[in-house]
Amino acid sequence: MGKLSIIKEFWDFLKIRKKIWLAPIVIVLLLLGLIIVATSNTALAPFIYALF
């Protein structure tokens, strides 16, 4: 199973269960997590933490 199949399965779950409204929440949480991980060991970290 690849990453794309997991994403497709999750999307199908959201459609079948009529939980499409959860998609923007999940996307925002993933993006915030990616920003935190990407900037945790760089010189940008103090600036990112100042935003939150």
Protein backbone atom coordinates (compact mmCIF):
# COMPACT_ATOMS: atom_id res chain seq x y z
CA MET A 1 0.00 0.00 0.00
CA GLY A 2 1.34 3.35 -0.97
CA LYS A 3 0.67 6.74 0.51
CA LEU A 4 -1.73 7.57 -2.30
CA SER A 5 -3.91 4.56 -1.54
CA ILE A 6 -4.18 5.65 2.10
CA ILE A 7 -5.23 9.13 1.02
CA LYS A 8 -7.77 7.69 -1.43
CA GLU A 9 -9.17 5.35 1.23
CA PHE A 10 -9.49 8.25 3.70
CA TRP A 11 -11.23 10.38 1.06
CA ASP A 12 -13.65 7.53 0.29
CA PHE A 13 -14.36 7.18 4.01
CA LEU A 14 -15.18 10.90 4.24
CA LYS A 15 -17.50 10.70 1.23
CA ILE A 16 -19.32 7.57 2.37
CA ARG A 17 -19.80 8.76 5.95
CA LYS A 18 -20.80 12.28 4.77
CA LYS A 19 -17.94 13.87 6.71
CA ILE A 20 -16.54 16.02 3.90
CA TRP A 21 -16.53 18.99 6.29
CA LEU A 22 -13.61 17.33 8.11
CA ALA A 23 -11.33 17.57 5.06
CA PRO A 24 -10.33 21.26 5.54
CA ILE A 25 -9.59 20.65 9.22
CA VAL A 26 -7.36 17.68 8.43
CA ILE A 27 -5.55 19.59 5.67
CA VAL A 28 -4.86 22.58 7.93
CA LEU A 29 -3.57 20.34 10.72
CA LEU A 30 -1.28 18.50 8.31
CA LEU A 31 0.08 21.78 6.92
CA LEU A 32 0.74 23.17 10.40
CA GLY A 33 2.52 19.96 11.37
CA LEU A 34 4.60 20.10 8.21
CA ILE A 35 5.58 23.72 8.90
CA ILE A 36 6.60 22.91 12.47
CA VAL A 37 8.66 19.89 11.42
CA ALA A 38 10.28 21.70 8.49
CA THR A 39 11.34 24.71 10.54
CA SER A 40 12.18 23.07 13.86
CA ASN A 41 15.95 22.98 13.23
CA THR A 42 16.41 26.11 11.17
CA ALA A 43 17.03 29.77 11.87
CA LEU A 44 13.36 30.42 11.05
CA ALA A 45 12.15 28.62 14.18
CA PRO A 46 12.02 31.75 16.44
CA PHE A 47 9.95 33.59 13.84
CA ILE A 48 7.50 30.72 13.37
CA TYR A 49 7.05 30.29 17.14
CA ALA A 50 6.40 34.02 17.48
CA LEU A 51 3.37 33.64 15.22
CA PHE A 52 1.75 31.14 17.57
